[in-house]
Amino acid sequence: FDETIVLTDLRQGGDPTASTIVSKFDAHDVVSSLRWSPDESQLSWTTDGGDFQIADARARSSQLQIPLYTYLQIEKLGGLFTHEYLNNHS
């Protein structure tokens, strides 16, 4: 619940103490859902506050934050707590 996404490289035989941190992203809120596109280098996540964020794992600070609470009526509809990759472009 530290509002951080940490991307690690686990190729050291699955030993988490030997893993290398590749990137860290500030989610600015508690993360409720995280997805990684296996065909691309993108991560995306939703937060309890209703944000949807996308990050490119190849770039250190390339992160797009979309505050969905400004577009959706979160107080009436509820938050966005999960999401799914449908194809390489969504």
PDB file of N, CA and C in Angstrom:
ATOM      1  N   PHE A   1       0.807  -1.190   0.000  1.00  0.00           N
ATOM      2  CA  PHE A   1       0.000   0.000   0.000  1.00  0.00           C
ATOM      3  C   PHE A   1       0.853   1.258   0.000  1.00  0.00           C
ATOM      4  N   ASP A   2       2.068   1.180  -0.535  1.00  0.00           N
ATOM      5  CA  ASP A   2       2.948   2.344  -0.523  1.00  0.00           C
ATOM      6  C   ASP A   2       2.817   3.197  -1.784  1.00  0.00           C
ATOM      7  N   GLU A   3       1.828   2.908  -2.625  1.00  0.00           N
ATOM      8  CA  GLU A   3       1.514   3.697  -3.821  1.00  0.00           C
ATOM      9  C   GLU A   3       2.644   3.684  -4.848  1.00  0.00           C
ATOM     10  N   THR A   4       3.408   2.591  -4.875  1.00  0.00           N
ATOM     11  CA  THR A   4       4.541   2.481  -5.783  1.00  0.00           C
ATOM     12  C   THR A   4       4.434   1.205  -6.606  1.00  0.00           C
ATOM     13  N   ILE A   5       4.716   1.322  -7.894  1.00  0.00           N
ATOM     14  CA  ILE A   5       4.844   0.166  -8.781  1.00  0.00           C
ATOM     15  C   ILE A   5       6.341  -0.081  -8.948  1.00  0.00           C
ATOM     16  N   VAL A   6       6.797  -1.295  -8.665  1.00  0.00           N
ATOM     17  CA  VAL A   6       8.212  -1.629  -8.789  1.00  0.00           C
ATOM     18  C   VAL A   6       8.350  -2.735  -9.827  1.00  0.00           C
ATOM     19  N   LEU A   7       9.111  -2.475 -10.868  1.00  0.00           N
ATOM     20  CA  LEU A   7       9.380  -3.450 -11.923  1.00  0.00           C
ATOM     21  C   LEU A   7      10.744  -4.066 -11.647  1.00  0.00           C
ATOM     22  N   THR A   8      10.763  -5.392 -11.465  1.00  0.00           N
ATOM     23  CA  THR A   8      12.014  -6.075 -11.146  1.00  0.00           C
ATOM     24  C   THR A   8      12.353  -7.111 -12.209  1.00  0.00           C
ATOM     25  N   ASP A   9      13.628  -7.431 -12.295  1.00  0.00           N
ATOM     26  CA  ASP A   9      14.126  -8.472 -13.187  1.00  0.00           C
ATOM     27  C   ASP A   9      14.409  -9.696 -12.323  1.00  0.00           C
ATOM     28  N   LEU A  10      13.628 -10.747 -12.509  1.00  0.00           N
ATOM     29  CA  LEU A  10      13.742 -11.951 -11.674  1.00  0.00           C
ATOM     30  C   LEU A  10      14.546 -13.070 -12.331  1.00  0.00           C
ATOM     31  N   ARG A  11      15.384 -12.732 -13.281  1.00  0.00           N
ATOM     32  CA  ARG A  11      16.117 -13.773 -14.001  1.00  0.00           C
ATOM     33  C   ARG A  11      17.228 -14.417 -13.182  1.00  0.00           C
ATOM     34  N   GLN A  12      17.383 -14.063 -11.943  1.00  0.00           N
ATOM     35  CA  GLN A  12      18.400 -14.658 -11.079  1.00  0.00           C
ATOM     36  C   GLN A  12      17.870 -15.922 -10.416  1.00  0.00           C
ATOM     37  N   GLY A  13      17.245 -16.786 -11.171  1.00  0.00           N
ATOM     38  CA  GLY A  13      16.760 -18.053 -10.638  1.00  0.00           C
ATOM     39  C   GLY A  13      15.542 -17.927  -9.747  1.00  0.00           C
ATOM     40  N   GLY A  14      14.833 -16.823  -9.874  1.00  0.00           N
ATOM     41  CA  GLY A  14      13.630 -16.639  -9.075  1.00  0.00           C
ATOM     42  C   GLY A  14      13.885 -16.209  -7.639  1.00  0.00           C
ATOM     43  N   ASP A  15      15.127 -15.913  -7.300  1.00  0.00           N
ATOM     44  CA  ASP A  15      15.467 -15.479  -5.945  1.00  0.00           C
ATOM     45  C   ASP A  15      15.140 -13.991  -5.801  1.00  0.00           C
ATOM     46  N   PRO A  16      14.107 -13.633  -5.011  1.00  0.00           N
ATOM     47  CA  PRO A  16      13.717 -12.228  -4.902  1.00  0.00           C
ATOM     48  C   PRO A  16      14.793 -11.344  -4.282  1.00  0.00           C
ATOM     49  N   THR A  17      15.686 -11.925  -3.477  1.00  0.00           N
ATOM     50  CA  THR A  17      16.749 -11.112  -2.892  1.00  0.00           C
ATOM     51  C   THR A  17      17.825 -10.782  -3.921  1.00  0.00           C
ATOM     52  N   ALA A  18      17.898 -11.555  -5.002  1.00  0.00           N
ATOM     53  CA  ALA A  18      18.886 -11.308  -6.049  1.00  0.00           C
ATOM     54  C   ALA A  18      18.298 -10.524  -7.216  1.00  0.00           C
ATOM     55  N   SER A  19      17.019 -10.183  -7.139  1.00  0.00           N
ATOM     56  CA  SER A  19      16.381  -9.485  -8.254  1.00  0.00           C
ATOM     57  C   SER A  19      16.886  -8.047  -8.352  1.00  0.00           C
ATOM     58  N   THR A  20      16.844  -7.522  -9.554  1.00  0.00           N
ATOM     59  CA  THR A  20      17.298  -6.171  -9.835  1.00  0.00           C
ATOM     60  C   THR A  20      16.096  -5.280 -10.092  1.00  0.00           C
ATOM     61  N   ILE A  21      16.039  -4.133  -9.429  1.00  0.00           N
ATOM     62  CA  ILE A  21      14.966  -3.173  -9.684  1.00  0.00           C
ATOM     63  C   ILE A  21      15.259  -2.466 -10.999  1.00  0.00           C
ATOM     64  N   VAL A  22      14.324  -2.579 -11.941  1.00  0.00           N
ATOM     65  CA  VAL A  22      14.474  -1.970 -13.260  1.00  0.00           C
ATOM     66  C   VAL A  22      13.907  -0.556 -13.262  1.00  0.00           C
ATOM     67  N   SER A  23      12.711  -0.392 -12.724  1.00  0.00           N
ATOM     68  CA  SER A  23      12.043   0.911 -12.689  1.00  0.00           C
ATOM     69  C   SER A  23      11.104   0.982 -11.500  1.00  0.00           C
ATOM     70  N   LYS A  24      10.827   2.211 -11.089  1.00  0.00           N
ATOM     71  CA  LYS A  24       9.808   2.471 -10.074  1.00  0.00           C
ATOM     72  C   LYS A  24       8.899   3.566 -10.608  1.00  0.00           C
ATOM     73  N   PHE A  25       7.604   3.415 -10.356  1.00  0.00           N
ATOM     74  CA  PHE A  25       6.626   4.404 -10.791  1.00  0.00           C
ATOM     75  C   PHE A  25       5.761   4.794  -9.601  1.00  0.00           C
ATOM     76  N   ASP A  26       5.516   6.078  -9.444  1.00  0.00           N
ATOM     77  CA  ASP A  26       4.670   6.574  -8.362  1.00  0.00           C
ATOM     78  C   ASP A  26       3.226   6.544  -8.826  1.00  0.00           C
ATOM     79  N   ALA A  27       2.398   5.750  -8.177  1.00  0.00           N
ATOM     80  CA  ALA A  27       0.992   5.626  -8.564  1.00  0.00           C
ATOM     81  C   ALA A  27       0.132   6.738  -7.968  1.00  0.00           C
ATOM     82  N   HIS A  28       0.657   7.476  -6.997  1.00  0.00           N
ATOM     83  CA  HIS A  28      -0.046   8.590  -6.355  1.00  0.00           C
ATOM     84  C   HIS A  28      -1.293   8.153  -5.604  1.00  0.00           C
ATOM     85  N   ASP A  29      -1.508   6.867  -5.431  1.00  0.00           N
ATOM     86  CA  ASP A  29      -2.664   6.341  -4.709  1.00  0.00           C
ATOM     87  C   ASP A  29      -2.461   4.833  -4.542  1.00  0.00           C
ATOM     88  N   VAL A  30      -3.320   4.190  -3.787  1.00  0.00           N
ATOM     89  CA  VAL A  30      -3.250   2.742  -3.596  1.00  0.00           C
ATOM     90  C   VAL A  30      -3.613   2.053  -4.907  1.00  0.00           C
ATOM     91  N   VAL A  31      -2.775   1.135  -5.352  1.00  0.00           N
ATOM     92  CA  VAL A  31      -2.980   0.425  -6.618  1.00  0.00           C
ATOM     93  C   VAL A  31      -4.008  -0.677  -6.415  1.00  0.00           C
ATOM     94  N   SER A  32      -5.023  -0.695  -7.283  1.00  0.00           N
ATOM     95  CA  SER A  32      -6.062  -1.717  -7.164  1.00  0.00           C
ATOM     96  C   SER A  32      -5.944  -2.787  -8.239  1.00  0.00           C
ATOM     97  N   SER A  33      -5.290  -2.479  -9.359  1.00  0.00           N
ATOM     98  CA  SER A  33      -5.165  -3.442 -10.447  1.00  0.00           C
ATOM     99  C   SER A  33      -3.901  -3.117 -11.233  1.00  0.00           C
ATOM    100  N   LEU A  34      -3.158  -4.137 -11.622  1.00  0.00           N
ATOM    101  CA  LEU A  34      -1.930  -3.956 -12.389  1.00  0.00           C
ATOM    102  C   LEU A  34      -1.922  -4.947 -13.539  1.00  0.00           C
ATOM    103  N   ARG A  35      -1.581  -4.483 -14.727  1.00  0.00           N
ATOM    104  CA  ARG A  35      -1.481  -5.359 -15.901  1.00  0.00           C
ATOM    105  C   ARG A  35      -0.181  -5.064 -16.636  1.00  0.00           C
ATOM    106  N   TRP A  36       0.371  -6.109 -17.205  1.00  0.00           N
ATOM    107  CA  TRP A  36       1.558  -5.998 -18.026  1.00  0.00           C
ATOM    108  C   TRP A  36       1.239  -6.629 -19.360  1.00  0.00           C
ATOM    109  N   SER A  37       1.598  -5.940 -20.432  1.00  0.00           N
ATOM    110  CA  SER A  37       1.392  -6.474 -21.771  1.00  0.00           C
ATOM    111  C   SER A  37       2.608  -7.310 -22.148  1.00  0.00           C
ATOM    112  N   PRO A  38       2.476  -8.623 -22.277  1.00  0.00           N
ATOM    113  CA  PRO A  38       3.630  -9.468 -22.574  1.00  0.00           C
ATOM    114  C   PRO A  38       4.227  -9.227 -23.959  1.00  0.00           C
ATOM    115  N   ASP A  39       3.450  -8.666 -24.873  1.00  0.00           N
ATOM    116  CA  ASP A  39       3.951  -8.406 -26.218  1.00  0.00           C
ATOM    117  C   ASP A  39       4.601  -7.034 -26.353  1.00  0.00           C
ATOM    118  N   GLU A  40       4.337  -6.165 -25.431  1.00  0.00           N
ATOM    119  CA  GLU A  40       4.848  -4.799 -25.468  1.00  0.00           C
ATOM    120  C   GLU A  40       5.644  -4.543 -24.189  1.00  0.00           C
ATOM    121  N   SER A  41       6.121  -3.355 -24.032  1.00  0.00           N
ATOM    122  CA  SER A  41       6.879  -3.016 -22.822  1.00  0.00           C
ATOM    123  C   SER A  41       6.080  -2.089 -21.915  1.00  0.00           C
ATOM    124  N   GLN A  42       4.759  -2.218 -21.943  1.00  0.00           N
ATOM    125  CA  GLN A  42       3.909  -1.309 -21.191  1.00  0.00           C
ATOM    126  C   GLN A  42       3.311  -1.972 -19.957  1.00  0.00           C
ATOM    127  N   LEU A  43       3.210  -1.175 -18.917  1.00  0.00           N
ATOM    128  CA  LEU A  43       2.500  -1.539 -17.696  1.00  0.00           C
ATOM    129  C   LEU A  43       1.325  -0.587 -17.573  1.00  0.00           C
ATOM    130  N   SER A  44       0.246  -1.041 -17.013  1.00  0.00           N
ATOM    131  CA  SER A  44      -0.866  -0.133 -16.729  1.00  0.00           C
ATOM    132  C   SER A  44      -1.490  -0.545 -15.408  1.00  0.00           C
ATOM    133  N   TRP A  45      -2.065   0.436 -14.733  1.00  0.00           N
ATOM    134  CA  TRP A  45      -2.689   0.152 -13.449  1.00  0.00           C
ATOM    135  C   TRP A  45      -3.815   1.135 -13.174  1.00  0.00           C
ATOM    136  N   THR A  46      -4.694   0.714 -12.288  1.00  0.00           N
ATOM    137  CA  THR A  46      -5.754   1.578 -11.788  1.00  0.00           C
ATOM    138  C   THR A  46      -5.516   1.775 -10.295  1.00  0.00           C
ATOM    139  N   THR A  47      -6.086   2.846  -9.767  1.00  0.00           N
ATOM    140  CA  THR A  47      -5.933   3.134  -8.346  1.00  0.00           C
ATOM    141  C   THR A  47      -7.294   3.196  -7.670  1.00  0.00           C
ATOM    142  N   ASP A  48      -7.277   3.114  -6.369  1.00  0.00           N
ATOM    143  CA  ASP A  48      -8.518   3.205  -5.602  1.00  0.00           C
ATOM    144  C   ASP A  48      -9.208   4.547  -5.795  1.00  0.00           C
ATOM    145  N   GLY A  49      -8.443   5.576  -6.138  1.00  0.00           N
ATOM    146  CA  GLY A  49      -9.015   6.897  -6.352  1.00  0.00           C
ATOM    147  C   GLY A  49      -9.622   7.088  -7.723  1.00  0.00           C
ATOM    148  N   GLY A  50      -9.508   6.090  -8.603  1.00  0.00           N
ATOM    149  CA  GLY A  50     -10.129   6.169  -9.918  1.00  0.00           C
ATOM    150  C   GLY A  50      -9.206   6.586 -11.034  1.00  0.00           C
ATOM    151  N   ASP A  51      -7.890   6.578 -10.822  1.00  0.00           N
ATOM    152  CA  ASP A  51      -6.949   6.916 -11.889  1.00  0.00           C
ATOM    153  C   ASP A  51      -6.610   5.685 -12.715  1.00  0.00           C
ATOM    154  N   PHE A  52      -6.300   5.918 -13.987  1.00  0.00           N
ATOM    155  CA  PHE A  52      -5.765   4.896 -14.879  1.00  0.00           C
ATOM    156  C   PHE A  52      -4.421   5.419 -15.343  1.00  0.00           C
ATOM    157  N   GLN A  53      -3.362   4.611 -15.202  1.00  0.00           N
ATOM    158  CA  GLN A  53      -2.030   5.064 -15.569  1.00  0.00           C
ATOM    159  C   GLN A  53      -1.346   4.033 -16.452  1.00  0.00           C
ATOM    160  N   ILE A  54      -0.546   4.547 -17.378  1.00  0.00           N
ATOM    161  CA  ILE A  54       0.228   3.709 -18.298  1.00  0.00           C
ATOM    162  C   ILE A  54       1.679   4.139 -18.201  1.00  0.00           C
ATOM    163  N   ALA A  55       2.583   3.169 -18.193  1.00  0.00           N
ATOM    164  CA  ALA A  55       4.008   3.469 -18.168  1.00  0.00           C
ATOM    165  C   ALA A  55       4.718   2.595 -19.186  1.00  0.00           C
ATOM    166  N   ASP A  56       5.760   3.146 -19.787  1.00  0.00           N
ATOM    167  CA  ASP A  56       6.613   2.410 -20.713  1.00  0.00           C
ATOM    168  C   ASP A  56       7.824   1.932 -19.922  1.00  0.00           C
ATOM    169  N   ALA A  57       8.006   0.643 -19.823  1.00  0.00           N
ATOM    170  CA  ALA A  57       9.090   0.078 -19.023  1.00  0.00           C
ATOM    171  C   ALA A  57      10.463   0.392 -19.603  1.00  0.00           C
ATOM    172  N   ARG A  58      10.518   0.781 -20.869  1.00  0.00           N
ATOM    173  CA  ARG A  58      11.804   1.101 -21.490  1.00  0.00           C
ATOM    174  C   ARG A  58      12.306   2.483 -21.101  1.00  0.00           C
ATOM    175  N   ALA A  59      11.399   3.368 -20.697  1.00  0.00           N
ATOM    176  CA  ALA A  59      11.765   4.741 -20.339  1.00  0.00           C
ATOM    177  C   ALA A  59      11.662   4.910 -18.828  1.00  0.00           C
ATOM    178  N   ARG A  60      12.620   5.583 -18.237  1.00  0.00           N
ATOM    179  CA  ARG A  60      12.654   5.714 -16.781  1.00  0.00           C
ATOM    180  C   ARG A  60      11.461   6.470 -16.214  1.00  0.00           C
ATOM    181  N   SER A  61      11.055   7.550 -16.839  1.00  0.00           N
ATOM    182  CA  SER A  61       9.985   8.353 -16.239  1.00  0.00           C
ATOM    183  C   SER A  61       8.826   8.591 -17.195  1.00  0.00           C
ATOM    184  N   SER A  62       8.681   7.755 -18.189  1.00  0.00           N
ATOM    185  CA  SER A  62       7.588   7.913 -19.140  1.00  0.00           C
ATOM    186  C   SER A  62       6.320   7.306 -18.551  1.00  0.00           C
ATOM    187  N   GLN A  63       5.454   8.169 -18.040  1.00  0.00           N
ATOM    188  CA  GLN A  63       4.245   7.709 -17.357  1.00  0.00           C
ATOM    189  C   GLN A  63       3.099   8.641 -17.712  1.00  0.00           C
ATOM    190  N   LEU A  64       1.968   8.071 -18.092  1.00  0.00           N
ATOM    191  CA  LEU A  64       0.772   8.841 -18.416  1.00  0.00           C
ATOM    192  C   LEU A  64      -0.267   8.571 -17.344  1.00  0.00           C
ATOM    193  N   GLN A  65      -0.765   9.632 -16.734  1.00  0.00           N
ATOM    194  CA  GLN A  65      -1.786   9.498 -15.701  1.00  0.00           C
ATOM    195  C   GLN A  65      -3.070  10.139 -16.200  1.00  0.00           C
ATOM    196  N   ILE A  66      -4.153   9.371 -16.185  1.00  0.00           N
ATOM    197  CA  ILE A  66      -5.460   9.868 -16.611  1.00  0.00           C
ATOM    198  C   ILE A  66      -6.377   9.861 -15.395  1.00  0.00           C
ATOM    199  N   PRO A  67      -6.728  11.043 -14.867  1.00  0.00           N
ATOM    200  CA  PRO A  67      -7.609  11.085 -13.706  1.00  0.00           C
ATOM    201  C   PRO A  67      -9.054  10.840 -14.114  1.00  0.00           C
ATOM    202  N   LEU A  68      -9.467   9.592 -14.088  1.00  0.00           N
ATOM    203  CA  LEU A  68     -10.808   9.239 -14.553  1.00  0.00           C
ATOM    204  C   LEU A  68     -11.910   9.834 -13.695  1.00  0.00           C
ATOM    205  N   TYR A  69     -11.596  10.203 -12.453  1.00  0.00           N
ATOM    206  CA  TYR A  69     -12.624  10.799 -11.606  1.00  0.00           C
ATOM    207  C   TYR A  69     -13.119  12.128 -12.167  1.00  0.00           C
ATOM    208  N   THR A  70     -12.336  12.762 -13.055  1.00  0.00           N
ATOM    209  CA  THR A  70     -12.804  14.006 -13.677  1.00  0.00           C
ATOM    210  C   THR A  70     -13.759  13.731 -14.832  1.00  0.00           C
ATOM    211  N   TYR A  71     -13.748  12.512 -15.364  1.00  0.00           N
ATOM    212  CA  TYR A  71     -14.602  12.147 -16.491  1.00  0.00           C
ATOM    213  C   TYR A  71     -15.788  11.288 -16.077  1.00  0.00           C
ATOM    214  N   LEU A  72     -15.601  10.495 -15.045  1.00  0.00           N
ATOM    215  CA  LEU A  72     -16.656   9.600 -14.573  1.00  0.00           C
ATOM    216  C   LEU A  72     -17.228  10.126 -13.265  1.00  0.00           C
ATOM    217  N   GLN A  73     -18.420   9.767 -12.978  1.00  0.00           N
ATOM    218  CA  GLN A  73     -19.036  10.139 -11.705  1.00  0.00           C
ATOM    219  C   GLN A  73     -18.718   9.042 -10.685  1.00  0.00           C
ATOM    220  N   ILE A  74     -17.500   9.064 -10.190  1.00  0.00           N
ATOM    221  CA  ILE A  74     -17.012   8.021  -9.291  1.00  0.00           C
ATOM    222  C   ILE A  74     -17.894   7.893  -8.056  1.00  0.00           C
ATOM    223  N   GLU A  75     -18.357   9.037  -7.528  1.00  0.00           N
ATOM    224  CA  GLU A  75     -19.174   8.983  -6.315  1.00  0.00           C
ATOM    225  C   GLU A  75     -20.499   8.277  -6.553  1.00  0.00           C
ATOM    226  N   LYS A  76     -20.968   8.228  -7.807  1.00  0.00           N
ATOM    227  CA  LYS A  76     -22.229   7.550  -8.126  1.00  0.00           C
ATOM    228  C   LYS A  76     -22.009   6.153  -8.705  1.00  0.00           C
ATOM    229  N   LEU A  77     -20.987   6.017  -9.546  1.00  0.00           N
ATOM    230  CA  LEU A  77     -20.757   4.759 -10.248  1.00  0.00           C
ATOM    231  C   LEU A  77     -19.797   3.826  -9.517  1.00  0.00           C
ATOM    232  N   GLY A  78     -18.982   4.366  -8.638  1.00  0.00           N
ATOM    233  CA  GLY A  78     -17.936   3.570  -8.007  1.00  0.00           C
ATOM    234  C   GLY A  78     -16.644   3.725  -8.788  1.00  0.00           C
ATOM    235  N   GLY A  79     -15.561   3.229  -8.253  1.00  0.00           N
ATOM    236  CA  GLY A  79     -14.259   3.406  -8.873  1.00  0.00           C
ATOM    237  C   GLY A  79     -13.963   2.387  -9.955  1.00  0.00           C
ATOM    238  N   LEU A  80     -12.859   2.612 -10.620  1.00  0.00           N
ATOM    239  CA  LEU A  80     -12.346   1.684 -11.620  1.00  0.00           C
ATOM    240  C   LEU A  80     -11.322   0.812 -10.908  1.00  0.00           C
ATOM    241  N   PHE A  81     -11.694  -0.416 -10.585  1.00  0.00           N
ATOM    242  CA  PHE A  81     -10.844  -1.251  -9.755  1.00  0.00           C
ATOM    243  C   PHE A  81     -10.130  -2.358 -10.510  1.00  0.00           C
ATOM    244  N   THR A  82     -10.432  -2.545 -11.760  1.00  0.00           N
ATOM    245  CA  THR A  82      -9.741  -3.558 -12.550  1.00  0.00           C
ATOM    246  C   THR A  82      -9.796  -3.166 -14.015  1.00  0.00           C
ATOM    247  N   HIS A  83      -8.931  -3.741 -14.808  1.00  0.00           N
ATOM    248  CA  HIS A  83      -8.916  -3.490 -16.246  1.00  0.00           C
ATOM    249  C   HIS A  83      -8.245  -4.678 -16.914  1.00  0.00           C
ATOM    250  N   GLU A  84      -8.316  -4.729 -18.223  1.00  0.00           N
ATOM    251  CA  GLU A  84      -7.796  -5.883 -18.955  1.00  0.00           C
ATOM    252  C   GLU A  84      -7.229  -5.423 -20.287  1.00  0.00           C
ATOM    253  N   TYR A  85      -6.135  -6.042 -20.721  1.00  0.00           N
ATOM    254  CA  TYR A  85      -5.631  -5.821 -22.072  1.00  0.00           C
ATOM    255  C   TYR A  85      -6.466  -6.660 -23.028  1.00  0.00           C
ATOM    256  N   LEU A  86      -7.062  -6.023 -24.013  1.00  0.00           N
ATOM    257  CA  LEU A  86      -7.844  -6.752 -25.008  1.00  0.00           C
ATOM    258  C   LEU A  86      -6.993  -7.133 -26.207  1.00  0.00           C
ATOM    259  N   ASN A  87      -6.058  -6.250 -26.560  1.00  0.00           N
ATOM    260  CA  ASN A  87      -5.118  -6.521 -27.642  1.00  0.00           C
ATOM    261  C   ASN A  87      -3.909  -5.622 -27.428  1.00  0.00           C
ATOM    262  N   ASN A  88      -3.006  -5.571 -28.374  1.00  0.00           N
ATOM    263  CA  ASN A  88      -1.786  -4.789 -28.212  1.00  0.00           C
ATOM    264  C   ASN A  88      -2.024  -3.294 -28.167  1.00  0.00           C
ATOM    265  N   HIS A  89      -3.220  -2.834 -28.536  1.00  0.00           N
ATOM    266  CA  HIS A  89      -3.489  -1.404 -28.612  1.00  0.00           C
ATOM    267  C   HIS A  89      -4.475  -0.931 -27.564  1.00  0.00           C
ATOM    268  N   SER A  90      -4.863  -1.778 -26.632  1.00  0.00           N
ATOM    269  CA  SER A  90      -5.800  -1.333 -25.594  1.00  0.00           C
ATOM    270  C   SER A  90      -5.415  -1.889 -24.238  1.00  0.00           C
TER     271      SER A  90
END
